[in-house]
Amino acid sequence: MEFNAVILAGGRATRLGGVPKPSLTYDGASLLSHALQAARGAAAVVVVGPDAAGTGGAPSRNTALLPDTALMSDTALLPDRVLQAREEPAFAGPAAAIAAGLAALKDNGNNAPWTLVLACDMPHVSRGVSFLWKALEAQPGVEGAMAVSADGRKQPLLGAYSTSALEREVAEASEGSGLRNASVFRLLARLNVLDVAVPAGSTDDVDTWEDAAALGIDYKLEADVKSQEETLEEWCRTLLQAFELEGVEVDINEVLAVAGVAAHSVVRPAAPLTTFIAGYAAGMARGIGQASDDASMNAALDLARKIAKEYSESEADAE
């Protein structure tokens, strides 16, 4: 099937201390390199992110085929044949990044009927791509195929979609509320999309350093990682002292994980709002003697995570 590829390589990487995800190394190559390899065979490829090509943000105009040897050992440079784009405004989220990638491809005369959309933070994403194409070939007439992980979670950033359908939805969203911090599920809600089970691990992504460690991902500046963890712990202690809560134990990684679920499932600004409300609820439960500090906090975070996941699914089903 003839297709273009949009690789999302932006984002603030807040829970990684600002370390760019594309630069993280897995199995001797950057995550961006693995995403480019997964897109092998595309008529044209665009990477949407901050200066991924080391060109100061100016997009490449070369739209030749991505070669089989696209897997790079370096972590920052793009092959000359890959386009670069940036969502507007910067850090406006994955839906805006998809729109920017589509626009860059169209501006350069690339009009393949299908668009493969990949996030660059899934080191095993190539395992799932072929399953999308097989599903589309087996069921003509649909407008796309979206990966579903082994535990049943939909991952729209491992998906293949009708280019014309994507452009239609982007145009309509742009005329309405816009795509800034918009949900990708909302962008795709009206498309007739197949849910495709992909091999285990295909959609495993890197949101935290715990995720990175679990996947065996390396980062050269280990001192920076340690500094971030120490800074967060120190800041947590400072806040607890200021609120006279020195005896309360806070699982920083769990709080950040819940924030990440909210950011992905709803919109990015939902992350701090979710953790604030969860913390407030935990405090209320502890104050009236419902449960201990640990139990109250764990229950509140678990509920917040559950609601965020259900919200994204209900939004997709309702539209």
C-alpha atoms as a PDB file:
ATOM      1  CA  MET A   1       0.000   0.000   0.000  1.00  0.00           C
ATOM      2  CA  GLU A   2       1.267   3.437  -0.899  1.00  0.00           C
ATOM      3  CA  PHE A   3       1.729   5.604   2.164  1.00  0.00           C
ATOM      4  CA  ASN A   4       3.493   8.580   3.711  1.00  0.00           C
ATOM      5  CA  ALA A   5       4.631   8.645   7.335  1.00  0.00           C
ATOM      6  CA  VAL A   6       4.284  11.267  10.048  1.00  0.00           C
ATOM      7  CA  ILE A   7       6.602  10.690  13.007  1.00  0.00           C
ATOM      8  CA  LEU A   8       5.853  12.681  16.155  1.00  0.00           C
ATOM      9  CA  ALA A   9       9.062  13.686  17.915  1.00  0.00           C
ATOM     10  CA  GLY A  10       8.006  16.747  19.894  1.00  0.00           C
ATOM     11  CA  GLY A  11       6.705  17.214  23.410  1.00  0.00           C
ATOM     12  CA  ARG A  12       8.279  18.720  26.483  1.00  0.00           C
ATOM     13  CA  ALA A  13       9.318  15.382  28.059  1.00  0.00           C
ATOM     14  CA  THR A  14       8.575  16.926  31.448  1.00  0.00           C
ATOM     15  CA  ARG A  15       8.786  13.652  33.339  1.00  0.00           C
ATOM     16  CA  LEU A  16      12.153  12.987  31.725  1.00  0.00           C
ATOM     17  CA  GLY A  17      13.514  16.290  32.986  1.00  0.00           C
ATOM     18  CA  GLY A  18      13.258  17.793  29.515  1.00  0.00           C
ATOM     19  CA  VAL A  19      15.542  15.194  27.933  1.00  0.00           C
ATOM     20  CA  PRO A  20      14.299  14.813  24.331  1.00  0.00           C
ATOM     21  CA  LYS A  21      12.771  11.399  23.785  1.00  0.00           C
ATOM     22  CA  PRO A  22      14.115  11.079  20.218  1.00  0.00           C
ATOM     23  CA  SER A  23      17.667  11.181  21.589  1.00  0.00           C
ATOM     24  CA  LEU A  24      17.239   8.253  23.961  1.00  0.00           C
ATOM     25  CA  THR A  25      19.160   5.172  22.850  1.00  0.00           C
ATOM     26  CA  TYR A  26      17.816   1.652  22.493  1.00  0.00           C
ATOM     27  CA  ASP A  27      19.796  -1.254  21.069  1.00  0.00           C
ATOM     28  CA  GLY A  28      22.527   1.033  19.772  1.00  0.00           C
ATOM     29  CA  ALA A  29      20.300   3.556  17.969  1.00  0.00           C
ATOM     30  CA  SER A  30      18.108   6.488  18.916  1.00  0.00           C
ATOM     31  CA  LEU A  31      14.373   6.100  19.377  1.00  0.00           C
ATOM     32  CA  LEU A  32      13.894   8.405  16.412  1.00  0.00           C
ATOM     33  CA  SER A  33      16.022   6.078  14.321  1.00  0.00           C
ATOM     34  CA  HIS A  34      13.834   3.132  15.285  1.00  0.00           C
ATOM     35  CA  ALA A  35      10.724   5.082  14.308  1.00  0.00           C
ATOM     36  CA  LEU A  36      12.277   5.931  10.943  1.00  0.00           C
ATOM     37  CA  GLN A  37      13.067   2.273  10.411  1.00  0.00           C
ATOM     38  CA  ALA A  38       9.464   1.362  11.225  1.00  0.00           C
ATOM     39  CA  ALA A  39       8.369   3.777   8.490  1.00  0.00           C
ATOM     40  CA  ARG A  40      10.606   2.132   5.894  1.00  0.00           C
ATOM     41  CA  GLY A  41       8.817   1.854   2.582  1.00  0.00           C
ATOM     42  CA  ALA A  42       7.030   5.192   2.904  1.00  0.00           C
ATOM     43  CA  ALA A  43       6.882   7.379  -0.180  1.00  0.00           C
ATOM     44  CA  ALA A  44       7.785  10.341   2.028  1.00  0.00           C
ATOM     45  CA  VAL A  45       8.457  10.847   5.728  1.00  0.00           C
ATOM     46  CA  VAL A  46       8.121  13.932   7.910  1.00  0.00           C
ATOM     47  CA  VAL A  47       9.383  14.225  11.479  1.00  0.00           C
ATOM     48  CA  VAL A  48       7.422  16.733  13.548  1.00  0.00           C
ATOM     49  CA  GLY A  49       9.480  18.107  16.399  1.00  0.00           C
ATOM     50  CA  PRO A  50      11.959  20.733  17.564  1.00  0.00           C
ATOM     51  CA  ASP A  51      14.993  20.965  15.298  1.00  0.00           C
ATOM     52  CA  ALA A  52      15.255  17.211  14.921  1.00  0.00           C
ATOM     53  CA  ALA A  53      17.410  17.617  11.837  1.00  0.00           C
ATOM     54  CA  GLY A  54      19.854  20.033  13.437  1.00  0.00           C
ATOM     55  CA  THR A  55      18.933  22.678  10.867  1.00  0.00           C
ATOM     56  CA  GLY A  56      17.583  25.341  13.175  1.00  0.00           C
ATOM     57  CA  GLY A  57      14.026  24.275  12.458  1.00  0.00           C
ATOM     58  CA  ALA A  58      14.002  24.826   8.681  1.00  0.00           C
ATOM     59  CA  PRO A  59      12.291  21.923   6.913  1.00  0.00           C
ATOM     60  CA  SER A  60      14.127  19.856   4.371  1.00  0.00           C
ATOM     61  CA  ARG A  61      12.647  19.986   0.862  1.00  0.00           C
ATOM     62  CA  ASN A  62      13.984  16.639  -0.294  1.00  0.00           C
ATOM     63  CA  THR A  63      11.127  14.168  -0.572  1.00  0.00           C
ATOM     64  CA  ALA A  64      12.835  11.134  -2.036  1.00  0.00           C
ATOM     65  CA  LEU A  65      12.086   7.655  -0.755  1.00  0.00           C
ATOM     66  CA  LEU A  66      13.351   6.742   2.684  1.00  0.00           C
ATOM     67  CA  PRO A  67      16.195   4.255   2.136  1.00  0.00           C
ATOM     68  CA  ASP A  68      16.420   0.849   3.775  1.00  0.00           C
ATOM     69  CA  THR A  69      19.555   2.066   5.559  1.00  0.00           C
ATOM     70  CA  ALA A  70      17.705   4.829   7.390  1.00  0.00           C
ATOM     71  CA  LEU A  71      18.517   3.382  10.812  1.00  0.00           C
ATOM     72  CA  MET A  72      21.049   5.825  12.231  1.00  0.00           C
ATOM     73  CA  SER A  73      23.574   5.466  15.029  1.00  0.00           C
ATOM     74  CA  ASP A  74      23.474   9.171  15.828  1.00  0.00           C
ATOM     75  CA  THR A  75      20.609  10.467  17.978  1.00  0.00           C
ATOM     76  CA  ALA A  76      19.804  13.869  16.526  1.00  0.00           C
ATOM     77  CA  LEU A  77      20.410  14.050  12.785  1.00  0.00           C
ATOM     78  CA  LEU A  78      17.775  13.205  10.219  1.00  0.00           C
ATOM     79  CA  PRO A  79      18.573  11.668   6.845  1.00  0.00           C
ATOM     80  CA  ASP A  80      18.601  14.315   4.102  1.00  0.00           C
ATOM     81  CA  ARG A  81      15.561  12.709   2.488  1.00  0.00           C
ATOM     82  CA  VAL A  82      13.281  13.191   5.483  1.00  0.00           C
ATOM     83  CA  LEU A  83      11.160  16.311   5.893  1.00  0.00           C
ATOM     84  CA  GLN A  84      10.931  18.243   9.116  1.00  0.00           C
ATOM     85  CA  ALA A  85       7.980  20.224  10.464  1.00  0.00           C
ATOM     86  CA  ARG A  86       6.850  21.836  13.710  1.00  0.00           C
ATOM     87  CA  GLU A  87       3.397  22.035  15.236  1.00  0.00           C
ATOM     88  CA  GLU A  88       1.949  25.512  15.692  1.00  0.00           C
ATOM     89  CA  PRO A  89       2.297  26.710  18.363  1.00  0.00           C
ATOM     90  CA  ALA A  90       5.224  24.671  19.645  1.00  0.00           C
ATOM     91  CA  PHE A  91       4.273  21.955  22.158  1.00  0.00           C
ATOM     92  CA  ALA A  92       0.624  22.159  21.102  1.00  0.00           C
ATOM     93  CA  GLY A  93       0.233  18.404  21.364  1.00  0.00           C
ATOM     94  CA  PRO A  94       0.113  15.349  19.076  1.00  0.00           C
ATOM     95  CA  ALA A  95      -3.103  16.287  17.231  1.00  0.00           C
ATOM     96  CA  ALA A  96      -1.540  19.600  16.194  1.00  0.00           C
ATOM     97  CA  ALA A  97       1.647  17.750  15.274  1.00  0.00           C
ATOM     98  CA  ILE A  98      -0.267  15.378  12.986  1.00  0.00           C
ATOM     99  CA  ALA A  99      -1.801  18.405  11.260  1.00  0.00           C
ATOM    100  CA  ALA A 100       1.636  19.979  10.812  1.00  0.00           C
ATOM    101  CA  GLY A 101       3.014  16.772   9.346  1.00  0.00           C
ATOM    102  CA  LEU A 102       0.148  16.437   6.879  1.00  0.00           C
ATOM    103  CA  ALA A 103       0.611  20.047   5.783  1.00  0.00           C
ATOM    104  CA  ALA A 104       4.349  19.576   5.235  1.00  0.00           C
ATOM    105  CA  LEU A 105       3.789  16.470   3.133  1.00  0.00           C
ATOM    106  CA  LYS A 106       1.117  18.169   1.038  1.00  0.00           C
ATOM    107  CA  ASP A 107       3.220  21.309   0.555  1.00  0.00           C
ATOM    108  CA  ASN A 108       5.967  19.128  -0.887  1.00  0.00           C
ATOM    109  CA  GLY A 109       3.652  17.362  -3.315  1.00  0.00           C
ATOM    110  CA  ASN A 110       3.347  14.090  -1.421  1.00  0.00           C
ATOM    111  CA  ASN A 111      -0.206  12.785  -1.765  1.00  0.00           C
ATOM    112  CA  ALA A 112      -0.116   9.089  -0.886  1.00  0.00           C
ATOM    113  CA  PRO A 113      -3.560   7.658  -0.069  1.00  0.00           C
ATOM    114  CA  TRP A 114      -2.491   6.456   3.380  1.00  0.00           C
ATOM    115  CA  THR A 115      -0.619   8.101   6.239  1.00  0.00           C
ATOM    116  CA  LEU A 116       1.243   6.099   8.847  1.00  0.00           C
ATOM    117  CA  VAL A 117       1.327   7.951  12.182  1.00  0.00           C
ATOM    118  CA  LEU A 118       4.004   6.933  14.686  1.00  0.00           C
ATOM    119  CA  ALA A 119       5.176   8.307  18.017  1.00  0.00           C
ATOM    120  CA  CYS A 120       8.950   8.228  18.331  1.00  0.00           C
ATOM    121  CA  ASP A 121       8.966   6.957  21.937  1.00  0.00           C
ATOM    122  CA  MET A 122       7.990   3.341  21.209  1.00  0.00           C
ATOM    123  CA  PRO A 123      11.177   1.349  20.575  1.00  0.00           C
ATOM    124  CA  HIS A 124       9.310  -1.767  19.370  1.00  0.00           C
ATOM    125  CA  VAL A 125       6.813   0.054  17.177  1.00  0.00           C
ATOM    126  CA  SER A 126       8.035  -1.698  14.031  1.00  0.00           C
ATOM    127  CA  ARG A 127       6.542  -4.958  15.350  1.00  0.00           C
ATOM    128  CA  GLY A 128       3.042  -3.589  14.898  1.00  0.00           C
ATOM    129  CA  VAL A 129       3.169  -1.749  11.575  1.00  0.00           C
ATOM    130  CA  SER A 130       2.720  -4.772   9.318  1.00  0.00           C
ATOM    131  CA  PHE A 131      -0.379  -5.808  11.273  1.00  0.00           C
ATOM    132  CA  LEU A 132      -2.024  -2.479  10.390  1.00  0.00           C
ATOM    133  CA  TRP A 133      -1.440  -2.962   6.661  1.00  0.00           C
ATOM    134  CA  LYS A 134      -2.678  -6.560   6.748  1.00  0.00           C
ATOM    135  CA  ALA A 135      -5.869  -5.453   8.487  1.00  0.00           C
ATOM    136  CA  LEU A 136      -6.504  -2.699   5.947  1.00  0.00           C
ATOM    137  CA  GLU A 137      -5.916  -5.030   3.016  1.00  0.00           C
ATOM    138  CA  ALA A 138      -8.325  -7.582   4.495  1.00  0.00           C
ATOM    139  CA  GLN A 139     -11.112  -5.048   5.027  1.00  0.00           C
ATOM    140  CA  PRO A 140     -11.272  -2.438   2.255  1.00  0.00           C
ATOM    141  CA  GLY A 141     -13.531   0.562   2.642  1.00  0.00           C
ATOM    142  CA  VAL A 142     -12.457   1.549   6.153  1.00  0.00           C
ATOM    143  CA  GLU A 143     -10.638   4.805   6.910  1.00  0.00           C
ATOM    144  CA  GLY A 144      -7.833   3.506   9.033  1.00  0.00           C
ATOM    145  CA  ALA A 145      -6.392   1.006  11.475  1.00  0.00           C
ATOM    146  CA  MET A 146      -5.313   1.704  15.053  1.00  0.00           C
ATOM    147  CA  ALA A 147      -3.104  -0.492  17.227  1.00  0.00           C
ATOM    148  CA  VAL A 148      -4.514  -2.118  20.345  1.00  0.00           C
ATOM    149  CA  SER A 149      -1.996  -3.330  22.917  1.00  0.00           C
ATOM    150  CA  ALA A 150      -2.011  -6.744  24.530  1.00  0.00           C
ATOM    151  CA  ASP A 151      -3.798  -5.299  27.579  1.00  0.00           C
ATOM    152  CA  GLY A 152      -6.545  -3.770  25.415  1.00  0.00           C
ATOM    153  CA  ARG A 153      -5.421  -0.148  25.300  1.00  0.00           C
ATOM    154  CA  LYS A 154      -5.863   1.717  22.026  1.00  0.00           C
ATOM    155  CA  GLN A 155      -2.813   3.558  20.723  1.00  0.00           C
ATOM    156  CA  PRO A 156      -3.701   6.070  17.974  1.00  0.00           C
ATOM    157  CA  LEU A 157      -0.037   7.009  17.546  1.00  0.00           C
ATOM    158  CA  LEU A 158       0.591   3.606  16.038  1.00  0.00           C
ATOM    159  CA  GLY A 159      -1.962   3.869  13.283  1.00  0.00           C
ATOM    160  CA  ALA A 160      -2.488   4.042   9.532  1.00  0.00           C
ATOM    161  CA  TYR A 161      -5.205   6.375   8.313  1.00  0.00           C
ATOM    162  CA  SER A 162      -6.747   7.543   5.069  1.00  0.00           C
ATOM    163  CA  THR A 163      -4.904  10.730   4.158  1.00  0.00           C
ATOM    164  CA  SER A 164      -8.018  12.405   2.795  1.00  0.00           C
ATOM    165  CA  ALA A 165      -9.998  11.487   5.928  1.00  0.00           C
ATOM    166  CA  LEU A 166      -7.275  12.867   8.184  1.00  0.00           C
ATOM    167  CA  GLU A 167      -7.087  16.091   6.174  1.00  0.00           C
ATOM    168  CA  ARG A 168     -10.863  16.422   6.356  1.00  0.00           C
ATOM    169  CA  GLU A 169     -10.914  16.091  10.137  1.00  0.00           C
ATOM    170  CA  VAL A 170      -7.964  18.469  10.564  1.00  0.00           C
ATOM    171  CA  ALA A 171      -9.694  21.085   8.409  1.00  0.00           C
ATOM    172  CA  GLU A 172     -12.935  20.811  10.363  1.00  0.00           C
ATOM    173  CA  ALA A 173     -11.181  20.963  13.733  1.00  0.00           C
ATOM    174  CA  SER A 174      -9.186  23.999  12.607  1.00  0.00           C
ATOM    175  CA  GLU A 175     -12.392  25.826  11.755  1.00  0.00           C
ATOM    176  CA  GLY A 176     -13.838  24.990  15.154  1.00  0.00           C
ATOM    177  CA  SER A 177     -12.078  24.810  18.496  1.00  0.00           C
ATOM    178  CA  GLY A 178      -8.683  24.172  16.930  1.00  0.00           C
ATOM    179  CA  LEU A 179      -6.131  21.454  17.590  1.00  0.00           C
ATOM    180  CA  ARG A 180      -4.044  23.025  20.330  1.00  0.00           C
ATOM    181  CA  ASN A 181      -3.861  20.497  23.186  1.00  0.00           C
ATOM    182  CA  ALA A 182      -6.654  18.547  21.494  1.00  0.00           C
ATOM    183  CA  SER A 183      -7.108  14.814  22.000  1.00  0.00           C
ATOM    184  CA  VAL A 184      -5.975  12.582  19.148  1.00  0.00           C
ATOM    185  CA  PHE A 185      -8.938  10.335  19.928  1.00  0.00           C
ATOM    186  CA  ARG A 186     -11.231  13.314  19.349  1.00  0.00           C
ATOM    187  CA  LEU A 187      -9.504  14.093  16.047  1.00  0.00           C
ATOM    188  CA  LEU A 188     -10.059  10.514  14.882  1.00  0.00           C
ATOM    189  CA  ALA A 189     -13.476   9.992  16.491  1.00  0.00           C
ATOM    190  CA  ARG A 190     -15.535  10.170  13.278  1.00  0.00           C
ATOM    191  CA  LEU A 191     -13.268   7.939  11.225  1.00  0.00           C
ATOM    192  CA  ASN A 192     -14.264   4.360  10.503  1.00  0.00           C
ATOM    193  CA  VAL A 193     -11.155   2.848  12.067  1.00  0.00           C
ATOM    194  CA  LEU A 194     -10.298  -0.795  12.688  1.00  0.00           C
ATOM    195  CA  ASP A 195      -8.957  -1.806  16.094  1.00  0.00           C
ATOM    196  CA  VAL A 196      -5.969  -4.042  15.387  1.00  0.00           C
ATOM    197  CA  ALA A 197      -4.307  -6.244  17.978  1.00  0.00           C
ATOM    198  CA  VAL A 198      -0.536  -5.904  17.706  1.00  0.00           C
ATOM    199  CA  PRO A 199       2.257  -8.003  19.229  1.00  0.00           C
ATOM    200  CA  ALA A 200       3.057  -7.508  22.891  1.00  0.00           C
ATOM    201  CA  GLY A 201       5.435  -4.612  23.463  1.00  0.00           C
ATOM    202  CA  SER A 202       4.679  -2.834  20.179  1.00  0.00           C
ATOM    203  CA  THR A 203       3.063   0.127  21.932  1.00  0.00           C
ATOM    204  CA  ASP A 204       5.278   0.256  25.022  1.00  0.00           C
ATOM    205  CA  ASP A 205       6.355   3.880  25.294  1.00  0.00           C
ATOM    206  CA  VAL A 206       8.713   6.003  27.362  1.00  0.00           C
ATOM    207  CA  ASP A 207       7.092   8.574  29.612  1.00  0.00           C
ATOM    208  CA  THR A 208       9.260   8.221  32.718  1.00  0.00           C
ATOM    209  CA  TRP A 209      12.756   7.057  33.569  1.00  0.00           C
ATOM    210  CA  GLU A 210      11.142   3.944  35.045  1.00  0.00           C
ATOM    211  CA  ASP A 211       9.656   3.209  31.610  1.00  0.00           C
ATOM    212  CA  ALA A 212      13.067   3.740  30.043  1.00  0.00           C
ATOM    213  CA  ALA A 213      14.779   1.415  32.499  1.00  0.00           C
ATOM    214  CA  ALA A 214      12.144  -1.285  32.006  1.00  0.00           C
ATOM    215  CA  LEU A 215      12.709  -1.165  28.238  1.00  0.00           C
ATOM    216  CA  GLY A 216      16.492  -1.138  28.527  1.00  0.00           C
ATOM    217  CA  ILE A 217      16.823   2.371  27.135  1.00  0.00           C
ATOM    218  CA  ASP A 218      20.049   4.228  27.799  1.00  0.00           C
ATOM    219  CA  TYR A 219      20.761   7.887  28.266  1.00  0.00           C
ATOM    220  CA  LYS A 220      24.340   9.055  28.307  1.00  0.00           C
ATOM    221  CA  LEU A 221      24.002  11.919  30.760  1.00  0.00           C
ATOM    222  CA  GLU A 222      23.180   9.844  33.815  1.00  0.00           C
ATOM    223  CA  ALA A 223      24.184  12.693  36.100  1.00  0.00           C
ATOM    224  CA  ASP A 224      21.355  14.797  34.663  1.00  0.00           C
ATOM    225  CA  VAL A 225      18.844  12.064  35.446  1.00  0.00           C
ATOM    226  CA  LYS A 226      20.124  11.759  38.990  1.00  0.00           C
ATOM    227  CA  SER A 227      19.981  15.511  39.386  1.00  0.00           C
ATOM    228  CA  GLN A 228      16.350  15.575  38.273  1.00  0.00           C
ATOM    229  CA  GLU A 229      15.356  12.857  40.718  1.00  0.00           C
ATOM    230  CA  GLU A 230      17.186  14.578  43.552  1.00  0.00           C
ATOM    231  CA  THR A 231      15.600  17.908  42.668  1.00  0.00           C
ATOM    232  CA  LEU A 232      12.113  16.418  42.679  1.00  0.00           C
ATOM    233  CA  GLU A 233      12.700  14.739  46.028  1.00  0.00           C
ATOM    234  CA  GLU A 234      14.078  17.954  47.511  1.00  0.00           C
ATOM    235  CA  TRP A 235      11.154  19.974  46.140  1.00  0.00           C
ATOM    236  CA  CYS A 236       8.688  17.430  47.520  1.00  0.00           C
ATOM    237  CA  ARG A 237      10.274  17.694  50.969  1.00  0.00           C
ATOM    238  CA  THR A 238      10.157  21.490  50.751  1.00  0.00           C
ATOM    239  CA  LEU A 239       6.448  21.494  49.910  1.00  0.00           C
ATOM    240  CA  LEU A 240       5.604  18.994  52.627  1.00  0.00           C
ATOM    241  CA  GLN A 241       7.440  21.104  55.193  1.00  0.00           C
ATOM    242  CA  ALA A 242       5.692  24.274  54.016  1.00  0.00           C
ATOM    243  CA  PHE A 243       2.293  22.622  54.442  1.00  0.00           C
ATOM    244  CA  GLU A 244       3.353  20.996  57.726  1.00  0.00           C
ATOM    245  CA  LEU A 245       3.025  17.508  56.250  1.00  0.00           C
ATOM    246  CA  GLU A 246       6.514  16.214  57.015  1.00  0.00           C
ATOM    247  CA  GLY A 247       5.217  12.795  58.018  1.00  0.00           C
ATOM    248  CA  VAL A 248       3.382  12.157  54.743  1.00  0.00           C
ATOM    249  CA  GLU A 249       5.016   9.802  52.241  1.00  0.00           C
ATOM    250  CA  VAL A 250       4.522  10.811  48.601  1.00  0.00           C
ATOM    251  CA  ASP A 251       5.261   8.341  45.789  1.00  0.00           C
ATOM    252  CA  ILE A 252       6.589  10.855  43.278  1.00  0.00           C
ATOM    253  CA  ASN A 253       6.777   8.356  40.424  1.00  0.00           C
ATOM    254  CA  GLU A 254       3.170   7.276  40.951  1.00  0.00           C
ATOM    255  CA  VAL A 255       1.941  10.870  40.961  1.00  0.00           C
ATOM    256  CA  LEU A 256       3.862  11.595  37.747  1.00  0.00           C
ATOM    257  CA  ALA A 257       2.519   8.415  36.164  1.00  0.00           C
ATOM    258  CA  VAL A 258      -1.077   9.449  36.878  1.00  0.00           C
ATOM    259  CA  ALA A 259      -0.335  12.889  35.448  1.00  0.00           C
ATOM    260  CA  GLY A 260       0.937  11.206  32.303  1.00  0.00           C
ATOM    261  CA  VAL A 261      -2.215   9.121  31.902  1.00  0.00           C
ATOM    262  CA  ALA A 262      -4.345  12.272  32.230  1.00  0.00           C
ATOM    263  CA  ALA A 263      -2.203  14.163  29.733  1.00  0.00           C
ATOM    264  CA  HIS A 264      -2.448  11.374  27.153  1.00  0.00           C
ATOM    265  CA  SER A 265      -6.080  10.443  27.712  1.00  0.00           C
ATOM    266  CA  VAL A 266      -7.665  13.879  28.070  1.00  0.00           C
ATOM    267  CA  VAL A 267      -5.511  16.913  27.198  1.00  0.00           C
ATOM    268  CA  ARG A 268      -2.101  17.931  28.495  1.00  0.00           C
ATOM    269  CA  PRO A 269      -3.328  20.622  30.919  1.00  0.00           C
ATOM    270  CA  ALA A 270      -5.407  17.896  32.586  1.00  0.00           C
ATOM    271  CA  ALA A 271      -2.232  16.525  34.201  1.00  0.00           C
ATOM    272  CA  PRO A 272      -1.760  19.114  36.987  1.00  0.00           C
ATOM    273  CA  LEU A 273      -5.512  19.496  37.437  1.00  0.00           C
ATOM    274  CA  THR A 274      -5.926  15.738  37.903  1.00  0.00           C
ATOM    275  CA  THR A 275      -3.126  15.405  40.427  1.00  0.00           C
ATOM    276  CA  PHE A 276      -4.379  18.437  42.371  1.00  0.00           C
ATOM    277  CA  ILE A 277      -7.918  17.064  42.653  1.00  0.00           C
ATOM    278  CA  ALA A 278      -6.642  13.575  43.501  1.00  0.00           C
ATOM    279  CA  GLY A 279      -4.459  15.037  46.233  1.00  0.00           C
ATOM    280  CA  TYR A 280      -7.321  17.121  47.569  1.00  0.00           C
ATOM    281  CA  ALA A 281      -9.593  14.070  47.646  1.00  0.00           C
ATOM    282  CA  ALA A 282      -6.927  12.055  49.445  1.00  0.00           C
ATOM    283  CA  GLY A 283      -6.561  14.807  52.031  1.00  0.00           C
ATOM    284  CA  MET A 284     -10.308  14.938  52.599  1.00  0.00           C
ATOM    285  CA  ALA A 285     -10.487  11.164  53.033  1.00  0.00           C
ATOM    286  CA  ARG A 286      -7.607  11.214  55.516  1.00  0.00           C
ATOM    287  CA  GLY A 287      -9.081  14.182  57.367  1.00  0.00           C
ATOM    288  CA  ILE A 288     -12.333  12.430  58.136  1.00  0.00           C
ATOM    289  CA  GLY A 289     -10.548   9.256  59.155  1.00  0.00           C
ATOM    290  CA  GLN A 290     -11.613   7.166  56.182  1.00  0.00           C
ATOM    291  CA  ALA A 291      -8.156   5.703  55.647  1.00  0.00           C
ATOM    292  CA  SER A 292      -4.465   6.175  56.340  1.00  0.00           C
ATOM    293  CA  ASP A 293      -2.310   8.624  54.397  1.00  0.00           C
ATOM    294  CA  ASP A 294      -0.929   5.895  52.125  1.00  0.00           C
ATOM    295  CA  ALA A 295      -4.280   4.232  51.511  1.00  0.00           C
ATOM    296  CA  SER A 296      -6.027   7.537  50.823  1.00  0.00           C
ATOM    297  CA  MET A 297      -3.385   8.664  48.354  1.00  0.00           C
ATOM    298  CA  ASN A 298      -3.206   5.312  46.550  1.00  0.00           C
ATOM    299  CA  ALA A 299      -6.981   5.095  46.244  1.00  0.00           C
ATOM    300  CA  ALA A 300      -7.244   8.634  44.898  1.00  0.00           C
ATOM    301  CA  LEU A 301      -4.480   8.100  42.318  1.00  0.00           C
ATOM    302  CA  ASP A 302      -5.921   4.760  41.208  1.00  0.00           C
ATOM    303  CA  LEU A 303      -9.354   6.317  40.744  1.00  0.00           C
ATOM    304  CA  ALA A 304      -7.917   9.291  38.832  1.00  0.00           C
ATOM    305  CA  ARG A 305      -6.038   6.953  36.484  1.00  0.00           C
ATOM    306  CA  LYS A 306      -9.135   4.833  35.896  1.00  0.00           C
ATOM    307  CA  ILE A 307     -11.358   7.831  35.164  1.00  0.00           C
ATOM    308  CA  ALA A 308      -8.813   9.362  32.759  1.00  0.00           C
ATOM    309  CA  LYS A 309      -8.638   6.146  30.733  1.00  0.00           C
ATOM    310  CA  GLU A 310     -12.418   5.778  30.671  1.00  0.00           C
ATOM    311  CA  TYR A 311     -12.814   9.419  29.650  1.00  0.00           C
ATOM    312  CA  SER A 312     -10.750   9.039  26.477  1.00  0.00           C
ATOM    313  CA  GLU A 313     -12.721   5.929  25.481  1.00  0.00           C
ATOM    314  CA  SER A 314     -16.100   7.549  26.141  1.00  0.00           C
ATOM    315  CA  GLU A 315     -15.118  10.642  24.161  1.00  0.00           C
ATOM    316  CA  ALA A 316     -14.148   8.491  21.196  1.00  0.00           C
ATOM    317  CA  ASP A 317     -17.385   6.478  21.391  1.00  0.00           C
ATOM    318  CA  ALA A 318     -19.617   9.550  21.725  1.00  0.00           C
ATOM    319  CA  GLU A 319     -18.516  11.255  18.501  1.00  0.00           C
END
